Amino acid sequence: MAVTKLTISLPKDLAESIRAEADAEGTTVSAWLAERARRSLLLAERKAAVAEYEAEFGKITDEEIEEVRQWERRSTQAH
């Protein structure tokens, strides 16, 4: 995989916390940050998809959310 080196500046306390988390997970700071960035981008894509769906079909109801959660529980239990 091709990589691009970035130089970033962070507040000292944040940098120390990131180093500690990366160490605790047995990974590098770069890998830890890359994973968090991937998660953040995926979340943003999912939020955009929900907004697009709701713009077309209306707000997703609490009942619909609960149906999905129940389906997920059943799917997890089946495996």
PDB file of N, CA and C in Angstrom:
ATOM      1  N   MET A   1       0.842  -1.169   0.000  1.00  0.00           N
ATOM      2  CA  MET A   1       0.000   0.000   0.000  1.00  0.00           C
ATOM      3  C   MET A   1       0.890   1.235   0.000  1.00  0.00           C
ATOM      4  N   ALA A   2       0.584   2.158  -0.877  1.00  0.00           N
ATOM      5  CA  ALA A   2       1.321   3.415  -0.923  1.00  0.00           C
ATOM      6  C   ALA A   2       0.926   4.281   0.265  1.00  0.00           C
ATOM      7  N   VAL A   3       1.883   4.983   0.804  1.00  0.00           N
ATOM      8  CA  VAL A   3       1.603   5.868   1.935  1.00  0.00           C
ATOM      9  C   VAL A   3       2.110   7.262   1.621  1.00  0.00           C
ATOM     10  N   THR A   4       1.518   8.221   2.269  1.00  0.00           N
ATOM     11  CA  THR A   4       1.949   9.607   2.191  1.00  0.00           C
ATOM     12  C   THR A   4       2.302  10.058   3.591  1.00  0.00           C
ATOM     13  N   LYS A   5       3.459  10.635   3.741  1.00  0.00           N
ATOM     14  CA  LYS A   5       3.877  11.122   5.041  1.00  0.00           C
ATOM     15  C   LYS A   5       3.309  12.514   5.263  1.00  0.00           C
ATOM     16  N   LEU A   6       2.702  12.711   6.419  1.00  0.00           N
ATOM     17  CA  LEU A   6       2.141  14.005   6.802  1.00  0.00           C
ATOM     18  C   LEU A   6       2.852  14.514   8.044  1.00  0.00           C
ATOM     19  N   THR A   7       2.926  15.793   8.166  1.00  0.00           N
ATOM     20  CA  THR A   7       3.424  16.412   9.387  1.00  0.00           C
ATOM     21  C   THR A   7       2.248  17.155  10.002  1.00  0.00           C
ATOM     22  N   ILE A   8       1.949  16.826  11.254  1.00  0.00           N
ATOM     23  CA  ILE A   8       0.823  17.468  11.933  1.00  0.00           C
ATOM     24  C   ILE A   8       1.286  18.044  13.261  1.00  0.00           C
ATOM     25  N   SER A   9       0.534  18.973  13.760  1.00  0.00           N
ATOM     26  CA  SER A   9       0.793  19.555  15.075  1.00  0.00           C
ATOM     27  C   SER A   9      -0.420  19.299  15.947  1.00  0.00           C
ATOM     28  N   LEU A  10      -0.160  18.854  17.167  1.00  0.00           N
ATOM     29  CA  LEU A  10      -1.233  18.548  18.118  1.00  0.00           C
ATOM     30  C   LEU A  10      -0.894  19.159  19.466  1.00  0.00           C
ATOM     31  N   PRO A  11      -1.906  19.488  20.241  1.00  0.00           N
ATOM     32  CA  PRO A  11      -1.623  19.899  21.619  1.00  0.00           C
ATOM     33  C   PRO A  11      -0.893  18.761  22.343  1.00  0.00           C
ATOM     34  N   LYS A  12       0.031  19.129  23.230  1.00  0.00           N
ATOM     35  CA  LYS A  12       0.874  18.144  23.903  1.00  0.00           C
ATOM     36  C   LYS A  12       0.064  17.061  24.616  1.00  0.00           C
ATOM     37  N   ASP A  13      -0.979  17.462  25.341  1.00  0.00           N
ATOM     38  CA  ASP A  13      -1.763  16.479  26.083  1.00  0.00           C
ATOM     39  C   ASP A  13      -2.466  15.500  25.143  1.00  0.00           C
ATOM     40  N   LEU A  14      -2.940  15.986  24.004  1.00  0.00           N
ATOM     41  CA  LEU A  14      -3.588  15.103  23.034  1.00  0.00           C
ATOM     42  C   LEU A  14      -2.575  14.135  22.436  1.00  0.00           C
ATOM     43  N   ALA A  15      -1.408  14.633  22.071  1.00  0.00           N
ATOM     44  CA  ALA A  15      -0.363  13.767  21.512  1.00  0.00           C
ATOM     45  C   ALA A  15       0.029  12.676  22.501  1.00  0.00           C
ATOM     46  N   GLU A  16       0.158  13.036  23.764  1.00  0.00           N
ATOM     47  CA  GLU A  16       0.509  12.048  24.792  1.00  0.00           C
ATOM     48  C   GLU A  16      -0.589  10.993  24.941  1.00  0.00           C
ATOM     49  N   SER A  17      -1.834  11.428  24.903  1.00  0.00           N
ATOM     50  CA  SER A  17      -2.952  10.476  25.005  1.00  0.00           C
ATOM     51  C   SER A  17      -2.977   9.533  23.813  1.00  0.00           C
ATOM     52  N   ILE A  18      -2.720  10.065  22.628  1.00  0.00           N
ATOM     53  CA  ILE A  18      -2.701   9.225  21.422  1.00  0.00           C
ATOM     54  C   ILE A  18      -1.576   8.201  21.514  1.00  0.00           C
ATOM     55  N   ARG A  19      -0.392   8.644  21.918  1.00  0.00           N
ATOM     56  CA  ARG A  19       0.736   7.707  22.071  1.00  0.00           C
ATOM     57  C   ARG A  19       0.388   6.595  23.060  1.00  0.00           C
ATOM     58  N   ALA A  20      -0.209   6.978  24.175  1.00  0.00           N
ATOM     59  CA  ALA A  20      -0.571   5.992  25.191  1.00  0.00           C
ATOM     60  C   ALA A  20      -1.580   4.987  24.643  1.00  0.00           C
ATOM     61  N   GLU A  21      -2.589   5.457  23.911  1.00  0.00           N
ATOM     62  CA  GLU A  21      -3.598   4.557  23.332  1.00  0.00           C
ATOM     63  C   GLU A  21      -2.971   3.625  22.295  1.00  0.00           C
ATOM     64  N   ALA A  22      -2.112   4.184  21.444  1.00  0.00           N
ATOM     65  CA  ALA A  22      -1.442   3.358  20.430  1.00  0.00           C
ATOM     66  C   ALA A  22      -0.587   2.292  21.104  1.00  0.00           C
ATOM     67  N   ASP A  23       0.165   2.679  22.122  1.00  0.00           N
ATOM     68  CA  ASP A  23       0.990   1.710  22.860  1.00  0.00           C
ATOM     69  C   ASP A  23       0.128   0.627  23.489  1.00  0.00           C
ATOM     70  N   ALA A  24      -0.980   1.028  24.097  1.00  0.00           N
ATOM     71  CA  ALA A  24      -1.871   0.062  24.756  1.00  0.00           C
ATOM     72  C   ALA A  24      -2.444  -0.932  23.759  1.00  0.00           C
ATOM     73  N   GLU A  25      -2.642  -0.490  22.515  1.00  0.00           N
ATOM     74  CA  GLU A  25      -3.184  -1.370  21.478  1.00  0.00           C
ATOM     75  C   GLU A  25      -2.087  -2.096  20.710  1.00  0.00           C
ATOM     76  N   GLY A  26      -0.839  -1.825  21.056  1.00  0.00           N
ATOM     77  CA  GLY A  26       0.274  -2.496  20.401  1.00  0.00           C
ATOM     78  C   GLY A  26       0.451  -2.081  18.952  1.00  0.00           C
ATOM     79  N   THR A  27       0.204  -0.813  18.676  1.00  0.00           N
ATOM     80  CA  THR A  27       0.312  -0.324  17.306  1.00  0.00           C
ATOM     81  C   THR A  27       1.103   0.978  17.288  1.00  0.00           C
ATOM     82  N   THR A  28       1.331   1.489  16.117  1.00  0.00           N
ATOM     83  CA  THR A  28       2.035   2.761  15.987  1.00  0.00           C
ATOM     84  C   THR A  28       1.049   3.918  16.048  1.00  0.00           C
ATOM     85  N   VAL A  29       1.585   5.088  16.317  1.00  0.00           N
ATOM     86  CA  VAL A  29       0.753   6.286  16.307  1.00  0.00           C
ATOM     87  C   VAL A  29       0.146   6.475  14.920  1.00  0.00           C
ATOM     88  N   SER A  30       0.936   6.263  13.879  1.00  0.00           N
ATOM     89  CA  SER A  30       0.425   6.417  12.512  1.00  0.00           C
ATOM     90  C   SER A  30      -0.736   5.469  12.237  1.00  0.00           C
ATOM     91  N   ALA A  31      -0.574   4.204  12.610  1.00  0.00           N
ATOM     92  CA  ALA A  31      -1.641   3.229  12.383  1.00  0.00           C
ATOM     93  C   ALA A  31      -2.873   3.560  13.216  1.00  0.00           C
ATOM     94  N   TRP A  32      -2.663   3.997  14.448  1.00  0.00           N
ATOM     95  CA  TRP A  32      -3.779   4.355  15.328  1.00  0.00           C
ATOM     96  C   TRP A  32      -4.565   5.520  14.738  1.00  0.00           C
ATOM     97  N   LEU A  33      -3.841   6.566  14.299  1.00  0.00           N
ATOM     98  CA  LEU A  33      -4.509   7.718  13.705  1.00  0.00           C
ATOM     99  C   LEU A  33      -5.202   7.364  12.398  1.00  0.00           C
ATOM    100  N   ALA A  34      -4.565   6.534  11.577  1.00  0.00           N
ATOM    101  CA  ALA A  34      -5.168   6.137  10.302  1.00  0.00           C
ATOM    102  C   ALA A  34      -6.481   5.395  10.543  1.00  0.00           C
ATOM    103  N   GLU A  35      -6.500   4.498  11.515  1.00  0.00           N
ATOM    104  CA  GLU A  35      -7.727   3.751  11.811  1.00  0.00           C
ATOM    105  C   GLU A  35      -8.827   4.687  12.291  1.00  0.00           C
ATOM    106  N   ARG A  36      -8.485   5.629  13.162  1.00  0.00           N
ATOM    107  CA  ARG A  36      -9.493   6.580  13.649  1.00  0.00           C
ATOM    108  C   ARG A  36     -10.001   7.455  12.515  1.00  0.00           C
ATOM    109  N   ALA A  37      -9.128   7.852  11.609  1.00  0.00           N
ATOM    110  CA  ALA A  37      -9.547   8.664  10.463  1.00  0.00           C
ATOM    111  C   ALA A  37     -10.486   7.866   9.566  1.00  0.00           C
ATOM    112  N   ARG A  38     -10.159   6.577   9.325  1.00  0.00           N
ATOM    113  CA  ARG A  38     -11.049   5.722   8.519  1.00  0.00           C
ATOM    114  C   ARG A  38     -12.430   5.636   9.151  1.00  0.00           C
ATOM    115  N   ARG A  39     -12.465   5.420  10.452  1.00  0.00           N
ATOM    116  CA  ARG A  39     -13.750   5.332  11.159  1.00  0.00           C
ATOM    117  C   ARG A  39     -14.539   6.626  11.034  1.00  0.00           C
ATOM    118  N   SER A  40     -13.859   7.739  11.174  1.00  0.00           N
ATOM    119  CA  SER A  40     -14.522   9.038  11.085  1.00  0.00           C
ATOM    120  C   SER A  40     -15.093   9.268   9.694  1.00  0.00           C
ATOM    121  N   LEU A  41     -14.329   8.927   8.666  1.00  0.00           N
ATOM    122  CA  LEU A  41     -14.811   9.091   7.291  1.00  0.00           C
ATOM    123  C   LEU A  41     -15.990   8.169   7.000  1.00  0.00           C
ATOM    124  N   LEU A  42     -15.927   6.926   7.491  1.00  0.00           N
ATOM    125  CA  LEU A  42     -17.032   5.992   7.308  1.00  0.00           C
ATOM    126  C   LEU A  42     -18.292   6.509   7.995  1.00  0.00           C
ATOM    127  N   LEU A  43     -18.139   7.035   9.197  1.00  0.00           N
ATOM    128  CA  LEU A  43     -19.282   7.596   9.918  1.00  0.00           C
ATOM    129  C   LEU A  43     -19.890   8.760   9.151  1.00  0.00           C
ATOM    130  N   ALA A  44     -19.045   9.620   8.602  1.00  0.00           N
ATOM    131  CA  ALA A  44     -19.542  10.752   7.814  1.00  0.00           C
ATOM    132  C   ALA A  44     -20.303  10.260   6.586  1.00  0.00           C
ATOM    133  N   GLU A  45     -19.804   9.215   5.928  1.00  0.00           N
ATOM    134  CA  GLU A  45     -20.502   8.641   4.768  1.00  0.00           C
ATOM    135  C   GLU A  45     -21.854   8.067   5.178  1.00  0.00           C
ATOM    136  N   ARG A  46     -21.886   7.388   6.312  1.00  0.00           N
ATOM    137  CA  ARG A  46     -23.147   6.809   6.786  1.00  0.00           C
ATOM    138  C   ARG A  46     -24.153   7.894   7.147  1.00  0.00           C
ATOM    139  N   LYS A  47     -23.686   8.954   7.792  1.00  0.00           N
ATOM    140  CA  LYS A  47     -24.581  10.068   8.133  1.00  0.00           C
ATOM    141  C   LYS A  47     -25.149  10.702   6.867  1.00  0.00           C
ATOM    142  N   ALA A  48     -24.315  10.850   5.851  1.00  0.00           N
ATOM    143  CA  ALA A  48     -24.778  11.427   4.579  1.00  0.00           C
ATOM    144  C   ALA A  48     -25.805  10.513   3.927  1.00  0.00           C
ATOM    145  N   ALA A  49     -25.587   9.194   3.999  1.00  0.00           N
ATOM    146  CA  ALA A  49     -26.535   8.244   3.416  1.00  0.00           C
ATOM    147  C   ALA A  49     -27.876   8.307   4.137  1.00  0.00           C
ATOM    148  N   VAL A  50     -27.843   8.407   5.460  1.00  0.00           N
ATOM    149  CA  VAL A  50     -29.087   8.522   6.230  1.00  0.00           C
ATOM    150  C   VAL A  50     -29.806   9.820   5.870  1.00  0.00           C
ATOM    151  N   ALA A  51     -29.069  10.914   5.776  1.00  0.00           N
ATOM    152  CA  ALA A  51     -29.682  12.196   5.424  1.00  0.00           C
ATOM    153  C   ALA A  51     -30.320  12.127   4.042  1.00  0.00           C
ATOM    154  N   GLU A  52     -29.648  11.481   3.102  1.00  0.00           N
ATOM    155  CA  GLU A  52     -30.193  11.328   1.751  1.00  0.00           C
ATOM    156  C   GLU A  52     -31.458  10.479   1.774  1.00  0.00           C
ATOM    157  N   TYR A  53     -31.425   9.370   2.524  1.00  0.00           N
ATOM    158  CA  TYR A  53     -32.595   8.502   2.647  1.00  0.00           C
ATOM    159  C   TYR A  53     -33.764   9.279   3.249  1.00  0.00           C
ATOM    160  N   GLU A  54     -33.489  10.001   4.346  1.00  0.00           N
ATOM    161  CA  GLU A  54     -34.566  10.729   5.019  1.00  0.00           C
ATOM    162  C   GLU A  54     -35.115  11.859   4.153  1.00  0.00           C
ATOM    163  N   ALA A  55     -34.274  12.457   3.337  1.00  0.00           N
ATOM    164  CA  ALA A  55     -34.756  13.508   2.436  1.00  0.00           C
ATOM    165  C   ALA A  55     -35.739  12.939   1.419  1.00  0.00           C
ATOM    166  N   GLU A  56     -35.520  11.694   1.025  1.00  0.00           N
ATOM    167  CA  GLU A  56     -36.397  11.076   0.027  1.00  0.00           C
ATOM    168  C   GLU A  56     -37.616  10.406   0.646  1.00  0.00           C
ATOM    169  N   PHE A  57     -37.428   9.726   1.788  1.00  0.00           N
ATOM    170  CA  PHE A  57     -38.496   8.892   2.345  1.00  0.00           C
ATOM    171  C   PHE A  57     -39.057   9.375   3.676  1.00  0.00           C
ATOM    172  N   GLY A  58     -38.485  10.415   4.251  1.00  0.00           N
ATOM    173  CA  GLY A  58     -38.941  10.889   5.549  1.00  0.00           C
ATOM    174  C   GLY A  58     -38.055  10.375   6.671  1.00  0.00           C
ATOM    175  N   LYS A  59     -38.214  10.989   7.822  1.00  0.00           N
ATOM    176  CA  LYS A  59     -37.387  10.658   8.980  1.00  0.00           C
ATOM    177  C   LYS A  59     -37.538   9.193   9.374  1.00  0.00           C
ATOM    178  N   ILE A  60     -36.414   8.584   9.692  1.00  0.00           N
ATOM    179  CA  ILE A  60     -36.422   7.208  10.189  1.00  0.00           C
ATOM    180  C   ILE A  60     -36.988   7.241  11.604  1.00  0.00           C
ATOM    181  N   THR A  61     -37.975   6.388  11.849  1.00  0.00           N
ATOM    182  CA  THR A  61     -38.661   6.407  13.144  1.00  0.00           C
ATOM    183  C   THR A  61     -37.908   5.568  14.174  1.00  0.00           C
ATOM    184  N   ASP A  62     -38.225   5.815  15.441  1.00  0.00           N
ATOM    185  CA  ASP A  62     -37.653   5.008  16.528  1.00  0.00           C
ATOM    186  C   ASP A  62     -38.029   3.536  16.358  1.00  0.00           C
ATOM    187  N   GLU A  63     -39.228   3.288  15.877  1.00  0.00           N
ATOM    188  CA  GLU A  63     -39.678   1.911  15.665  1.00  0.00           C
ATOM    189  C   GLU A  63     -38.826   1.216  14.597  1.00  0.00           C
ATOM    190  N   GLU A  64     -38.515   1.933  13.529  1.00  0.00           N
ATOM    191  CA  GLU A  64     -37.674   1.366  12.473  1.00  0.00           C
ATOM    192  C   GLU A  64     -36.262   1.085  12.983  1.00  0.00           C
ATOM    193  N   ILE A  65     -35.750   1.982  13.799  1.00  0.00           N
ATOM    194  CA  ILE A  65     -34.426   1.773  14.387  1.00  0.00           C
ATOM    195  C   ILE A  65     -34.438   0.536  15.273  1.00  0.00           C
ATOM    196  N   GLU A  66     -35.475   0.374  16.073  1.00  0.00           N
ATOM    197  CA  GLU A  66     -35.582  -0.800  16.946  1.00  0.00           C
ATOM    198  C   GLU A  66     -35.692  -2.083  16.130  1.00  0.00           C
ATOM    199  N   GLU A  67     -36.412  -2.051  15.026  1.00  0.00           N
ATOM    200  CA  GLU A  67     -36.509  -3.226  14.152  1.00  0.00           C
ATOM    201  C   GLU A  67     -35.132  -3.639  13.641  1.00  0.00           C
ATOM    202  N   VAL A  68     -34.325  -2.672  13.261  1.00  0.00           N
ATOM    203  CA  VAL A  68     -32.977  -2.966  12.772  1.00  0.00           C
ATOM    204  C   VAL A  68     -32.130  -3.546  13.898  1.00  0.00           C
ATOM    205  N   ARG A  69     -32.231  -2.985  15.082  1.00  0.00           N
ATOM    206  CA  ARG A  69     -31.456  -3.504  16.223  1.00  0.00           C
ATOM    207  C   ARG A  69     -31.845  -4.950  16.527  1.00  0.00           C
ATOM    208  N   GLN A  70     -33.134  -5.242  16.477  1.00  0.00           N
ATOM    209  CA  GLN A  70     -33.579  -6.612  16.715  1.00  0.00           C
ATOM    210  C   GLN A  70     -33.065  -7.541  15.628  1.00  0.00           C
ATOM    211  N   TRP A  71     -33.098  -7.097  14.384  1.00  0.00           N
ATOM    212  CA  TRP A  71     -32.578  -7.894  13.276  1.00  0.00           C
ATOM    213  C   TRP A  71     -31.087  -8.159  13.468  1.00  0.00           C
ATOM    214  N   GLU A  72     -30.341  -7.129  13.890  1.00  0.00           N
ATOM    215  CA  GLU A  72     -28.909  -7.305  14.136  1.00  0.00           C
ATOM    216  C   GLU A  72     -28.663  -8.321  15.242  1.00  0.00           C
ATOM    217  N   ARG A  73     -29.444  -8.249  16.318  1.00  0.00           N
ATOM    218  CA  ARG A  73     -29.290  -9.207  17.421  1.00  0.00           C
ATOM    219  C   ARG A  73     -29.547 -10.628  16.948  1.00  0.00           C
ATOM    220  N   ARG A  74     -30.616 -10.801  16.162  1.00  0.00           N
ATOM    221  CA  ARG A  74     -30.932 -12.146  15.649  1.00  0.00           C
ATOM    222  C   ARG A  74     -29.831 -12.639  14.724  1.00  0.00           C
ATOM    223  N   SER A  75     -29.295 -11.762  13.895  1.00  0.00           N
ATOM    224  CA  SER A  75     -28.233 -12.136  12.962  1.00  0.00           C
ATOM    225  C   SER A  75     -26.973 -12.534  13.705  1.00  0.00           C
ATOM    226  N   THR A  76     -26.653 -11.796  14.767  1.00  0.00           N
ATOM    227  CA  THR A  76     -25.459 -12.095  15.558  1.00  0.00           C
ATOM    228  C   THR A  76     -25.614 -13.427  16.284  1.00  0.00           C
ATOM    229  N   GLN A  77     -26.793 -13.683  16.809  1.00  0.00           N
ATOM    230  CA  GLN A  77     -27.050 -14.924  17.538  1.00  0.00           C
ATOM    231  C   GLN A  77     -27.030 -16.133  16.613  1.00  0.00           C
ATOM    232  N   ALA A  78     -27.385 -15.952  15.363  1.00  0.00           N
ATOM    233  CA  ALA A  78     -27.440 -17.066  14.403  1.00  0.00           C
ATOM    234  C   ALA A  78     -26.043 -17.543  14.037  1.00  0.00           C
ATOM    235  N   HIS A  79     -25.042 -16.689  14.219  1.00  0.00           N
ATOM    236  CA  HIS A  79     -23.670 -17.081  13.852  1.00  0.00           C
ATOM    237  C   HIS A  79     -22.969 -17.561  15.029  1.00  0.00           C
TER     238      HIS A  79
END
